C-alpha atoms as a PDB file:
ATOM      1  CA  MET A   1     -28.653  14.682  -0.268  1.00  0.00           C
ATOM      2  CA  SER A   2     -29.501  12.201   2.452  1.00  0.00           C
ATOM      3  CA  ILE A   3     -33.034  11.064   3.232  1.00  0.00           C
ATOM      4  CA  PHE A   4     -32.575  12.463   6.765  1.00  0.00           C
ATOM      5  CA  GLN A   5     -31.961  15.989   5.441  1.00  0.00           C
ATOM      6  CA  PHE A   6     -35.063  15.801   3.283  1.00  0.00           C
ATOM      7  CA  LEU A   7     -37.292  14.396   6.055  1.00  0.00           C
ATOM      8  CA  VAL A   8     -36.193  17.089   8.525  1.00  0.00           C
ATOM      9  CA  ARG A   9     -37.383  19.788   6.084  1.00  0.00           C
ATOM     10  CA  VAL A  10     -40.605  17.925   5.323  1.00  0.00           C
ATOM     11  CA  PHE A  11     -41.516  17.712   9.009  1.00  0.00           C
ATOM     12  CA  ILE A  12     -40.607  21.391   9.565  1.00  0.00           C
ATOM     13  CA  ALA A  13     -42.924  22.349   6.685  1.00  0.00           C
ATOM     14  CA  LEU A  14     -45.654  20.036   8.018  1.00  0.00           C
ATOM     15  CA  ALA A  15     -45.308  21.540  11.511  1.00  0.00           C
ATOM     16  CA  VAL A  16     -45.790  25.025  10.084  1.00  0.00           C
ATOM     17  CA  ALA A  17     -48.670  23.921   7.838  1.00  0.00           C
ATOM     18  CA  SER A  18     -50.455  22.063  10.640  1.00  0.00           C
ATOM     19  CA  SER A  19     -50.252  25.139  12.888  1.00  0.00           C
ATOM     20  CA  LEU A  20     -52.494  26.911  10.414  1.00  0.00           C
ATOM     21  CA  PHE A  21     -55.418  24.718  11.523  1.00  0.00           C
ATOM     22  CA  MET A  22     -54.927  25.464  15.229  1.00  0.00           C
ATOM     23  CA  GLY A  23     -56.359  28.946  15.007  1.00  0.00           C
ATOM     24  CA  LYS A  24     -57.440  31.695  12.669  1.00  0.00           C
ATOM     25  CA  ILE A  25     -54.282  32.768  10.896  1.00  0.00           C
ATOM     26  CA  GLU A  26     -54.550  35.833   8.689  1.00  0.00           C
ATOM     27  CA  TYR A  27     -51.784  34.713   6.353  1.00  0.00           C
ATOM     28  CA  SER A  28     -52.613  30.975   6.246  1.00  0.00           C
ATOM     29  CA  THR A  29     -52.716  30.782   2.433  1.00  0.00           C
ATOM     30  CA  ALA A  30     -49.388  32.589   2.119  1.00  0.00           C
ATOM     31  CA  LEU A  31     -47.805  30.319   4.746  1.00  0.00           C
ATOM     32  CA  ALA A  32     -49.104  27.158   3.060  1.00  0.00           C
ATOM     33  CA  LEU A  33     -47.644  28.374  -0.239  1.00  0.00           C
ATOM     34  CA  LEU A  34     -44.413  29.351   1.506  1.00  0.00           C
ATOM     35  CA  SER A  35     -44.112  25.836   2.984  1.00  0.00           C
ATOM     36  CA  GLY A  36     -44.352  24.324  -0.494  1.00  0.00           C
ATOM     37  CA  ILE A  37     -41.789  26.774  -1.876  1.00  0.00           C
ATOM     38  CA  TYR A  38     -39.518  25.940   1.073  1.00  0.00           C
ATOM     39  CA  ILE A  39     -39.520  22.201   0.239  1.00  0.00           C
ATOM     40  CA  LEU A  40     -39.143  22.869  -3.506  1.00  0.00           C
ATOM     41  CA  ALA A  41     -36.225  25.254  -2.928  1.00  0.00           C
ATOM     42  CA  PHE A  42     -34.486  22.670  -0.747  1.00  0.00           C
ATOM     43  CA  LEU A  43     -34.793  20.084  -3.532  1.00  0.00           C
ATOM     44  CA  LEU A  44     -33.528  22.471  -6.221  1.00  0.00           C
ATOM     45  CA  ILE A  45     -30.492  23.864  -4.396  1.00  0.00           C
ATOM     46  CA  PRO A  46     -27.357  21.853  -5.357  1.00  0.00           C
ATOM     47  CA  LYS A  47     -25.990  19.883  -2.412  1.00  0.00           C
ATOM     48  CA  ASN A  48     -22.327  20.617  -1.750  1.00  0.00           C
ATOM     49  CA  ALA A  49     -20.040  21.905   1.013  1.00  0.00           C
ATOM     50  CA  THR A  50     -21.003  25.565   0.440  1.00  0.00           C
ATOM     51  CA  SER A  51     -24.748  25.104  -0.110  1.00  0.00           C
ATOM     52  CA  ARG A  52     -25.112  23.696   3.429  1.00  0.00           C
ATOM     53  CA  TYR A  53     -24.759  27.212   4.800  1.00  0.00           C
ATOM     54  CA  ILE A  54     -27.221  28.652   2.271  1.00  0.00           C
ATOM     55  CA  ILE A  55     -29.783  25.951   3.117  1.00  0.00           C
ATOM     56  CA  LEU A  56     -29.458  26.629   6.850  1.00  0.00           C
ATOM     57  CA  LEU A  57     -29.978  30.352   6.198  1.00  0.00           C
ATOM     58  CA  MET A  58     -33.122  29.443   4.221  1.00  0.00           C
ATOM     59  CA  ASP A  59     -34.315  27.263   7.139  1.00  0.00           C
ATOM     60  CA  VAL A  60     -33.866  30.079   9.643  1.00  0.00           C
ATOM     61  CA  VAL A  61     -35.630  32.635   7.420  1.00  0.00           C
ATOM     62  CA  PHE A  62     -38.560  30.237   6.880  1.00  0.00           C
ATOM     63  CA  LEU A  63     -38.897  29.535  10.622  1.00  0.00           C
ATOM     64  CA  SER A  64     -38.597  33.222  11.553  1.00  0.00           C
ATOM     65  CA  LEU A  65     -41.343  34.193   9.062  1.00  0.00           C
ATOM     66  CA  SER A  66     -43.533  31.331  10.220  1.00  0.00           C
ATOM     67  CA  ILE A  67     -43.206  32.368  13.894  1.00  0.00           C
ATOM     68  CA  TYR A  68     -43.885  36.010  13.071  1.00  0.00           C
ATOM     69  CA  LEU A  69     -46.933  35.317  10.874  1.00  0.00           C
ATOM     70  CA  THR A  70     -48.517  32.662  13.097  1.00  0.00           C
ATOM     71  CA  GLY A  71     -47.531  34.039  16.481  1.00  0.00           C
ATOM     72  CA  TYR A  72     -46.678  30.528  17.681  1.00  0.00           C
ATOM     73  CA  THR A  73     -43.445  30.750  19.663  1.00  0.00           C
ATOM     74  CA  TYR A  74     -43.051  26.955  19.936  1.00  0.00           C
ATOM     75  CA  LEU A  75     -42.092  26.830  16.241  1.00  0.00           C
ATOM     76  CA  ALA A  76     -38.657  28.077  17.386  1.00  0.00           C
ATOM     77  CA  PHE A  77     -38.052  24.585  18.781  1.00  0.00           C
ATOM     78  CA  LEU A  78     -37.745  23.345  15.180  1.00  0.00           C
ATOM     79  CA  VAL A  79     -34.165  24.619  15.105  1.00  0.00           C
ATOM     80  CA  VAL A  80     -33.200  21.658  17.331  1.00  0.00           C
ATOM     81  CA  PRO A  81     -33.346  18.908  14.614  1.00  0.00           C
ATOM     82  CA  LEU A  82     -31.420  21.231  12.301  1.00  0.00           C
ATOM     83  CA  PHE A  83     -28.492  21.163  14.744  1.00  0.00           C
ATOM     84  CA  ALA A  84     -27.862  17.413  14.342  1.00  0.00           C
ATOM     85  CA  GLU A  85     -28.289  17.669  10.582  1.00  0.00           C
ATOM     86  CA  PHE A  86     -25.971  20.643  10.067  1.00  0.00           C
ATOM     87  CA  VAL A  87     -23.194  20.740  12.690  1.00  0.00           C
ATOM     88  CA  ARG A  88     -19.948  18.883  11.901  1.00  0.00           C
ATOM     89  CA  ASP A  89     -17.304  20.961  13.696  1.00  0.00           C
ATOM     90  CA  TRP A  90     -16.819  24.079  15.834  1.00  0.00           C
ATOM     91  CA  LYS A  91     -17.069  26.409  12.835  1.00  0.00           C
ATOM     92  CA  ASP A  92     -20.468  24.932  11.995  1.00  0.00           C
ATOM     93  CA  THR A  93     -21.532  25.239  15.653  1.00  0.00           C
ATOM     94  CA  ILE A  94     -20.764  28.966  15.800  1.00  0.00           C
ATOM     95  CA  TYR A  95     -22.526  29.610  12.471  1.00  0.00           C
ATOM     96  CA  PHE A  96     -25.546  27.616  13.603  1.00  0.00           C
ATOM     97  CA  LEU A  97     -25.828  29.368  16.997  1.00  0.00           C
ATOM     98  CA  LEU A  98     -25.676  32.793  15.362  1.00  0.00           C
ATOM     99  CA  LEU A  99     -28.446  31.986  12.872  1.00  0.00           C
ATOM    100  CA  SER A 100     -30.639  30.009  15.293  1.00  0.00           C
ATOM    101  CA  ALA A 101     -30.739  33.041  17.576  1.00  0.00           C
ATOM    102  CA  PHE A 102     -32.991  34.813  15.023  1.00  0.00           C
ATOM    103  CA  PRO A 103     -36.077  32.545  15.255  1.00  0.00           C
ATOM    104  CA  VAL A 104     -35.714  32.477  19.053  1.00  0.00           C
ATOM    105  CA  ALA A 105     -35.510  36.288  19.102  1.00  0.00           C
ATOM    106  CA  VAL A 106     -38.580  36.504  16.850  1.00  0.00           C
ATOM    107  CA  ALA A 107     -40.439  34.149  19.209  1.00  0.00           C
ATOM    108  CA  LEU A 108     -39.583  36.406  22.164  1.00  0.00           C
ATOM    109  CA  PHE A 109     -40.682  39.451  20.173  1.00  0.00           C
ATOM    110  CA  VAL A 110     -43.987  37.845  19.193  1.00  0.00           C
ATOM    111  CA  SER A 111     -44.686  36.907  22.820  1.00  0.00           C
ATOM    112  CA  GLY A 112     -44.055  40.457  23.880  1.00  0.00           C
ATOM    113  CA  PHE A 113     -40.966  39.261  25.743  1.00  0.00           C
ATOM    114  CA  ASN A 114     -43.256  37.493  28.225  1.00  0.00           C
ATOM    115  CA  ASP A 115     -42.719  33.836  27.213  1.00  0.00           C
ATOM    116  CA  TYR A 116     -39.081  33.300  28.195  1.00  0.00           C
ATOM    117  CA  THR A 117     -39.560  29.514  28.401  1.00  0.00           C
ATOM    118  CA  VAL A 118     -38.807  29.277  24.683  1.00  0.00           C
ATOM    119  CA  VAL A 119     -35.153  30.116  25.400  1.00  0.00           C
ATOM    120  CA  PRO A 120     -34.318  27.432  28.031  1.00  0.00           C
ATOM    121  CA  ILE A 121     -36.386  24.798  26.204  1.00  0.00           C
ATOM    122  CA  THR A 122     -34.576  25.496  22.932  1.00  0.00           C
ATOM    123  CA  VAL A 123     -31.178  25.591  24.649  1.00  0.00           C
ATOM    124  CA  ALA A 124     -31.955  22.342  26.503  1.00  0.00           C
ATOM    125  CA  GLY A 125     -32.935  20.701  23.226  1.00  0.00           C
ATOM    126  CA  LEU A 126     -29.741  21.897  21.549  1.00  0.00           C
ATOM    127  CA  LEU A 127     -27.567  20.716  24.444  1.00  0.00           C
ATOM    128  CA  GLY A 128     -29.268  17.323  24.505  1.00  0.00           C
ATOM    129  CA  THR A 129     -28.824  16.955  20.763  1.00  0.00           C
ATOM    130  CA  ALA A 130     -25.202  18.105  21.053  1.00  0.00           C
ATOM    131  CA  GLY A 131     -24.561  15.552  23.803  1.00  0.00           C
ATOM    132  CA  LEU A 132     -26.129  12.780  21.756  1.00  0.00           C
ATOM    133  CA  TYR A 133     -24.191  13.877  18.692  1.00  0.00           C
ATOM    134  CA  LYS A 134     -20.937  13.910  20.684  1.00  0.00           C
ATOM    135  CA  THR A 135     -21.665  10.422  22.019  1.00  0.00           C
ATOM    136  CA  PHE A 136     -22.149   9.063  18.518  1.00  0.00           C
ATOM    137  CA  ALA A 137     -19.132  11.002  17.232  1.00  0.00           C
ATOM    138  CA  ASP A 138     -16.926   9.613  20.009  1.00  0.00           C
ATOM    139  CA  ARG A 139     -18.188   6.121  19.332  1.00  0.00           C
ATOM    140  CA  GLU A 140     -17.549   6.553  15.625  1.00  0.00           C
ATOM    141  CA  ARG A 141     -13.986   7.732  16.352  1.00  0.00           C
ATOM    142  CA  TYR A 142     -13.524   4.772  18.689  1.00  0.00           C
ATOM    143  CA  PHE A 143     -14.653   2.258  16.084  1.00  0.00           C
ATOM    144  CA  ARG A 144     -12.576   4.017  13.424  1.00  0.00           C
ATOM    145  CA  HIS A 145      -9.582   3.733  15.748  1.00  0.00           C
ATOM    146  CA  LEU A 146     -10.311   0.026  16.253  1.00  0.00           C
ATOM    147  CA  LYS A 147     -10.626  -0.433  12.501  1.00  0.00           C
ATOM    148  CA  ASN A 148      -7.268   1.278  11.899  1.00  0.00           C
ATOM    149  CA  GLU A 149      -5.666  -0.834  14.632  1.00  0.00           C
ATOM    150  CA  MET A 150      -7.052  -4.019  13.090  1.00  0.00           C
ATOM    151  CA  GLU A 151      -5.847  -2.965   9.639  1.00  0.00           C
ATOM    152  CA  ASN A 152      -2.391  -2.196  11.053  1.00  0.00           C
ATOM    153  CA  LEU A 153      -2.295  -5.547  12.868  1.00  0.00           C
ATOM    154  CA  TYR A 154      -3.383  -7.298   9.665  1.00  0.00           C
ATOM    155  CA  ILE A 155      -0.643  -5.559   7.665  1.00  0.00           C
ATOM    156  CA  LYS A 156       1.940  -6.349  10.365  1.00  0.00           C
ATOM    157  CA  ASN A 157       0.764  -9.960  10.452  1.00  0.00           C
ATOM    158  CA  ILE A 158       1.211 -10.217   6.688  1.00  0.00           C
ATOM    159  CA  SER A 159       4.679  -8.657   6.982  1.00  0.00           C
ATOM    160  CA  PHE A 160       5.677 -11.048   9.766  1.00  0.00           C
ATOM    161  CA  GLN A 161       4.271 -13.987   7.818  1.00  0.00           C
ATOM    162  CA  GLU A 162       6.247 -12.940   4.750  1.00  0.00           C
ATOM    163  CA  MET A 163       9.346 -12.603   6.938  1.00  0.00           C
ATOM    164  CA  VAL A 164       8.762 -16.064   8.435  1.00  0.00           C
ATOM    165  CA  ASP A 165       8.253 -17.552   4.965  1.00  0.00           C
ATOM    166  CA  ARG A 166      11.360 -15.770   3.724  1.00  0.00           C
ATOM    167  CA  LEU A 167      13.469 -16.994   6.650  1.00  0.00           C
ATOM    168  CA  GLY A 168      12.051 -20.493   6.197  1.00  0.00           C
ATOM    169  CA  LYS A 169      13.001 -20.476   2.541  1.00  0.00           C
ATOM    170  CA  LEU A 170      16.433 -19.081   3.407  1.00  0.00           C
ATOM    171  CA  LYS A 171      16.923 -21.919   5.877  1.00  0.00           C
ATOM    172  CA  GLU A 172      15.842 -24.504   3.292  1.00  0.00           C
ATOM    173  CA  VAL A 173      18.203 -23.081   0.685  1.00  0.00           C
ATOM    174  CA  TYR A 174      21.066 -22.932   3.166  1.00  0.00           C
ATOM    175  CA  SER A 175      20.398 -26.532   4.314  1.00  0.00           C
ATOM    176  CA  SER A 176      20.344 -27.699   0.714  1.00  0.00           C
ATOM    177  CA  LEU A 177      23.644 -25.928  -0.002  1.00  0.00           C
ATOM    178  CA  LYS A 178      25.172 -27.279   3.200  1.00  0.00           C
ATOM    179  CA  LYS A 179      24.189 -30.800   2.169  1.00  0.00           C
ATOM    180  CA  LEU A 180      25.646 -30.155  -1.280  1.00  0.00           C
ATOM    181  CA  ARG A 181      28.989 -29.137   0.251  1.00  0.00           C
ATOM    182  CA  LYS A 182      29.052 -31.843   2.890  1.00  0.00           C
ATOM    183  CA  GLU A 183      28.197 -34.762   0.611  1.00  0.00           C
ATOM    184  CA  LYS A 184      29.974 -33.240  -2.414  1.00  0.00           C
ATOM    185  CA  LEU A 185      26.964 -33.862  -4.629  1.00  0.00           C
ATOM    186  CA  PRO A 186      27.199 -33.110  -8.354  1.00  0.00           C
ATOM    187  CA  LEU A 187      25.940 -29.594  -8.973  1.00  0.00           C
ATOM    188  CA  LYS A 188      23.934 -30.760 -11.971  1.00  0.00           C
ATOM    189  CA  LEU A 189      21.717 -32.765  -9.602  1.00  0.00           C
ATOM    190  CA  TRP A 190      21.477 -30.048  -6.990  1.00  0.00           C
ATOM    191  CA  ILE A 191      19.880 -27.500  -9.365  1.00  0.00           C
ATOM    192  CA  TYR A 192      16.684 -29.584  -9.397  1.00  0.00           C
ATOM    193  CA  ASP A 193      16.398 -29.281  -5.629  1.00  0.00           C
ATOM    194  CA  ILE A 194      17.258 -25.580  -5.444  1.00  0.00           C
ATOM    195  CA  ASN A 195      14.829 -24.785  -8.276  1.00  0.00           C
ATOM    196  CA  GLU A 196      12.007 -26.218  -6.196  1.00  0.00           C
ATOM    197  CA  LYS A 197      13.079 -24.436  -3.001  1.00  0.00           C
ATOM    198  CA  LEU A 198      13.480 -21.057  -4.676  1.00  0.00           C
ATOM    199  CA  GLY A 199      10.143 -21.410  -6.445  1.00  0.00           C
ATOM    200  CA  THR A 200      11.700 -20.513  -9.784  1.00  0.00           C
ATOM    201  CA  ASP A 201      10.473 -21.808 -13.123  1.00  0.00           C
ATOM    202  CA  GLY A 202      13.853 -23.091 -14.184  1.00  0.00           C
ATOM    203  CA  ILE A 203      17.611 -22.927 -13.760  1.00  0.00           C
ATOM    204  CA  VAL A 204      20.386 -23.101 -16.351  1.00  0.00           C
ATOM    205  CA  TYR A 205      23.841 -24.107 -15.119  1.00  0.00           C
ATOM    206  CA  PHE A 206      26.865 -23.507 -17.345  1.00  0.00           C
ATOM    207  CA  ASP A 207      29.592 -25.775 -15.985  1.00  0.00           C
ATOM    208  CA  PHE A 208      32.953 -24.291 -17.043  1.00  0.00           C
ATOM    209  CA  ILE A 209      34.899 -27.045 -15.296  1.00  0.00           C
ATOM    210  CA  ASN A 210      33.379 -29.888 -17.312  1.00  0.00           C
ATOM    211  CA  HIS A 211      32.472 -27.762 -20.328  1.00  0.00           C
ATOM    212  CA  LYS A 212      28.793 -28.652 -20.161  1.00  0.00           C
ATOM    213  CA  CYS A 213      25.406 -27.042 -19.630  1.00  0.00           C
ATOM    214  CA  TYR A 214      22.549 -28.394 -17.534  1.00  0.00           C
ATOM    215  CA  SER A 215      19.004 -27.090 -17.147  1.00  0.00           C
ATOM    216  CA  THR A 216      15.864 -27.859 -15.206  1.00  0.00           C
ATOM    217  CA  GLY A 217      12.256 -26.734 -15.149  1.00  0.00           C
ATOM    218  CA  GLU A 218      11.166 -24.671 -18.139  1.00  0.00           C
ATOM    219  CA  ALA A 219      14.646 -23.221 -18.705  1.00  0.00           C
ATOM    220  CA  VAL A 220      16.657 -24.268 -21.749  1.00  0.00           C
ATOM    221  CA  CYS A 221      20.405 -24.032 -22.277  1.00  0.00           C
ATOM    222  CA  LYS A 222      21.218 -21.303 -24.774  1.00  0.00           C
ATOM    223  CA  LYS A 223      24.835 -20.310 -25.232  1.00  0.00           C
ATOM    224  CA  GLU A 224      23.725 -16.884 -26.527  1.00  0.00           C
ATOM    225  CA  LEU A 225      23.143 -16.000 -22.877  1.00  0.00           C
ATOM    226  CA  LEU A 226      26.885 -15.913 -22.218  1.00  0.00           C
ATOM    227  CA  GLN A 227      27.268 -12.864 -24.473  1.00  0.00           C
ATOM    228  CA  HIS A 228      25.326 -10.806 -21.911  1.00  0.00           C
ATOM    229  CA  ILE A 229      27.158 -11.932 -18.760  1.00  0.00           C
ATOM    230  CA  ASP A 230      29.643  -9.228 -17.798  1.00  0.00           C
ATOM    231  CA  SER A 231      29.211  -9.030 -14.007  1.00  0.00           C
ATOM    232  CA  PRO A 232      29.148 -11.491 -11.064  1.00  0.00           C
ATOM    233  CA  PHE A 233      25.464 -10.819 -10.455  1.00  0.00           C
ATOM    234  CA  LEU A 234      22.950  -9.486 -12.952  1.00  0.00           C
ATOM    235  CA  VAL A 235      19.224  -8.800 -12.911  1.00  0.00           C
ATOM    236  CA  PHE A 236      17.531  -8.683 -16.313  1.00  0.00           C
ATOM    237  CA  ARG A 237      14.305  -6.709 -16.922  1.00  0.00           C
ATOM    238  CA  ASN A 238      12.967  -5.907 -20.395  1.00  0.00           C
ATOM    239  CA  HIS A 239      16.233  -7.182 -21.834  1.00  0.00           C
ATOM    240  CA  GLN A 240      17.163  -9.432 -24.724  1.00  0.00           C
ATOM    241  CA  VAL A 241      17.891 -12.132 -22.126  1.00  0.00           C
ATOM    242  CA  ASN A 242      14.244 -11.998 -21.023  1.00  0.00           C
ATOM    243  CA  ASP A 243      13.193 -12.626 -24.602  1.00  0.00           C
ATOM    244  CA  LEU A 244      15.621 -15.539 -24.894  1.00  0.00           C
ATOM    245  CA  MET A 245      14.317 -17.171 -21.701  1.00  0.00           C
ATOM    246  CA  GLU A 246      10.698 -16.092 -22.289  1.00  0.00           C
ATOM    247  CA  ALA A 247      10.396 -14.787 -18.727  1.00  0.00           C
ATOM    248  CA  PRO A 248      10.100 -11.281 -17.182  1.00  0.00           C
ATOM    249  CA  PHE A 249      12.472 -12.075 -14.297  1.00  0.00           C
ATOM    250  CA  VAL A 250      15.915 -13.469 -15.085  1.00  0.00           C
ATOM    251  CA  TYR A 251      18.978 -13.487 -12.829  1.00  0.00           C
ATOM    252  CA  ALA A 252      22.561 -14.427 -13.653  1.00  0.00           C
ATOM    253  CA  LEU A 253      25.004 -15.543 -10.974  1.00  0.00           C
ATOM    254  CA  THR A 254      28.673 -16.088 -11.775  1.00  0.00           C
ATOM    255  CA  VAL A 255      30.737 -18.205  -9.361  1.00  0.00           C
ATOM    256  CA  GLU A 256      34.374 -17.184  -9.757  1.00  0.00           C
ATOM    257  CA  ASP A 257      37.515 -16.020  -8.051  1.00  0.00           C
ATOM    258  CA  ARG A 258      40.423 -13.914  -9.334  1.00  0.00           C
ATOM    259  CA  ASP A 259      41.885 -16.651 -11.518  1.00  0.00           C
ATOM    260  CA  ARG A 260      39.010 -18.776 -12.650  1.00  0.00           C
ATOM    261  CA  VAL A 261      35.319 -19.000 -13.478  1.00  0.00           C
ATOM    262  CA  TYR A 262      33.682 -22.102 -12.019  1.00  0.00           C
ATOM    263  CA  GLY A 263      30.246 -21.700 -13.532  1.00  0.00           C
ATOM    264  CA  ILE A 264      27.278 -19.486 -14.292  1.00  0.00           C
ATOM    265  CA  LEU A 265      23.735 -20.049 -13.071  1.00  0.00           C
ATOM    266  CA  ILE A 266      20.725 -18.478 -14.772  1.00  0.00           C
ATOM    267  CA  PHE A 267      17.544 -18.338 -12.662  1.00  0.00           C
ATOM    268  CA  VAL A 268      14.247 -17.932 -14.527  1.00  0.00           C
ATOM    269  CA  SER A 269      10.958 -16.811 -12.958  1.00  0.00           C
ATOM    270  CA  LYS A 270       7.803 -16.062 -14.927  1.00  0.00           C
ATOM    271  CA  LEU A 271       5.412 -14.906 -12.208  1.00  0.00           C
ATOM    272  CA  LYS A 272       7.352 -13.182  -9.433  1.00  0.00           C
ATOM    273  CA  GLU A 273      10.719 -11.746  -8.482  1.00  0.00           C
ATOM    274  CA  VAL A 274      13.273 -13.909  -6.732  1.00  0.00           C
ATOM    275  CA  ASP A 275      14.676 -12.785  -3.389  1.00  0.00           C
ATOM    276  CA  GLN A 276      18.140 -11.484  -4.231  1.00  0.00           C
ATOM    277  CA  GLN A 277      19.431 -12.245  -0.740  1.00  0.00           C
ATOM    278  CA  LEU A 278      18.697 -15.917  -1.379  1.00  0.00           C
ATOM    279  CA  LEU A 279      20.684 -15.742  -4.600  1.00  0.00           C
ATOM    280  CA  GLU A 280      23.558 -14.078  -2.747  1.00  0.00           C
ATOM    281  CA  VAL A 281      23.562 -16.968  -0.253  1.00  0.00           C
ATOM    282  CA  VAL A 282      23.607 -19.386  -3.176  1.00  0.00           C
ATOM    283  CA  GLY A 283      26.589 -17.575  -4.679  1.00  0.00           C
ATOM    284  CA  GLU A 284      28.548 -17.555  -1.414  1.00  0.00           C
ATOM    285  CA  GLN A 285      27.928 -21.229  -0.675  1.00  0.00           C
ATOM    286  CA  LEU A 286      28.697 -22.323  -4.224  1.00  0.00           C
ATOM    287  CA  PHE A 287      31.980 -20.427  -4.091  1.00  0.00           C
ATOM    288  CA  LEU A 288      32.889 -22.391  -0.946  1.00  0.00           C
ATOM    289  CA  TYR A 289      31.711 -25.567  -2.664  1.00  0.00           C
ATOM    290  CA  PHE A 290      34.090 -25.036  -5.582  1.00  0.00           C
ATOM    291  CA  ILE A 291      36.977 -23.996  -3.307  1.00  0.00           C
ATOM    292  CA  GLU A 292      36.513 -27.200  -1.318  1.00  0.00           C
ATOM    293  CA  ASN A 293      36.507 -29.179  -4.580  1.00  0.00           C
ATOM    294  CA  SER A 294      39.287 -27.198  -6.244  1.00  0.00           C
ATOM    295  CA  ASP A 295      41.103 -30.319  -7.332  1.00  0.00           C
ATOM    296  CA  GLN A 296      38.945 -30.141 -10.455  1.00  0.00           C
ATOM    297  CA  LYS A 297      40.507 -28.488 -13.455  1.00  0.00           C
ATOM    298  CA  PRO A 298      39.406 -24.877 -13.959  1.00  0.00           C
ATOM    299  CA  SER A 299      38.376 -23.323 -17.255  1.00  0.00           C
ATOM    300  CA  ASP A 300      38.006 -19.907 -18.737  1.00  0.00           C
ATOM    301  CA  LYS A 301      34.621 -18.259 -19.422  1.00  0.00           C
ATOM    302  CA  ASP A 302      35.262 -18.117 -23.157  1.00  0.00           C
ATOM    303  CA  SER A 303      36.348 -21.755 -23.461  1.00  0.00           C
ATOM    304  CA  GLY A 304      34.306 -24.952 -23.569  1.00  0.00           C
ATOM    305  CA  ILE A 305      30.679 -23.870 -23.525  1.00  0.00           C
ATOM    306  CA  ALA A 306      31.151 -20.628 -25.388  1.00  0.00           C
ATOM    307  CA  ALA A 307      32.939 -22.584 -28.058  1.00  0.00           C
ATOM    308  CA  GLY A 308      29.921 -24.873 -28.455  1.00  0.00           C
ATOM    309  CA  GLY A 309      30.835 -27.747 -26.070  1.00  0.00           C
ATOM    310  CA  GLU A 310      27.688 -27.520 -23.919  1.00  0.00           C
ATOM    311  CA  GLY A 311      25.293 -30.334 -23.234  1.00  0.00           C
ATOM    312  CA  GLU A 312      21.952 -28.540 -23.779  1.00  0.00           C
ATOM    313  CA  GLY A 313      18.890 -30.068 -22.237  1.00  0.00           C
ATOM    314  CA  LYS A 314      17.110 -30.834 -18.967  1.00  0.00           C
ATOM    315  CA  GLY A 315      20.028 -32.582 -17.378  1.00  0.00           C
ATOM    316  CA  ASP A 316      22.999 -34.645 -18.247  1.00  0.00           C
END
């Protein structure tokens, strides 16, 4: 229940009660008591979608009785504030117009069908209230539309910003890999740079050419990881590998061709997922890197490191 709903009923009851002092009313005591019952009933009726119609019916009955018992036709004008309080859509409008016709009809009956001014005055009041209500409703819809547009623009801005950040990171990773290939840098040094650019918490690099293992960040070389590598690209979630690396997001990337395995990289992230497209770019560029440096002696996945020849630690 809003304070506006309550105040509308209070002023309707006060208008009826005050009319009792404007002349000698035969049923003044009954009307005063009825006004109190009217306010009490409004407070006691549960406020929900259905009770709105019951309350309006109670309003109309109270006004119709008050007009009939007092003989004051102007009390019919009190249906005007009820319009703004009750009407929400066309269904409400039709229901309201049907019920509000009763107090107006009673006012005409009481006046002996001589005071027809009550009809145009009431209609004018309803139309004015309806126009004001429509103005506020249109303005509310307009501001709601603006709010939705701003929310959509904000969401799009976030999406574009994420896309820009993603493309920027992709460019950084690609530039780093291009530099690696061009200058033929040792891969064990490059993992420090790529770990920073990817925003991962650590990288493990199993070098099957030199039979060694290198790691950076919070990652640690553990040869048990190799037992779980059975595909060129793997994503681990709620897996034994996650327990080994103590991280919820772990990715394994195998750089190989038909005849040889060049190496395996394990990417560890504790807070967020890693963009898999970035890892795919890493895999493609590293494959080209090893092809361009294929004069190095290849090794098999089960030799060297798997046999215990790794150099475990934060570098070599």
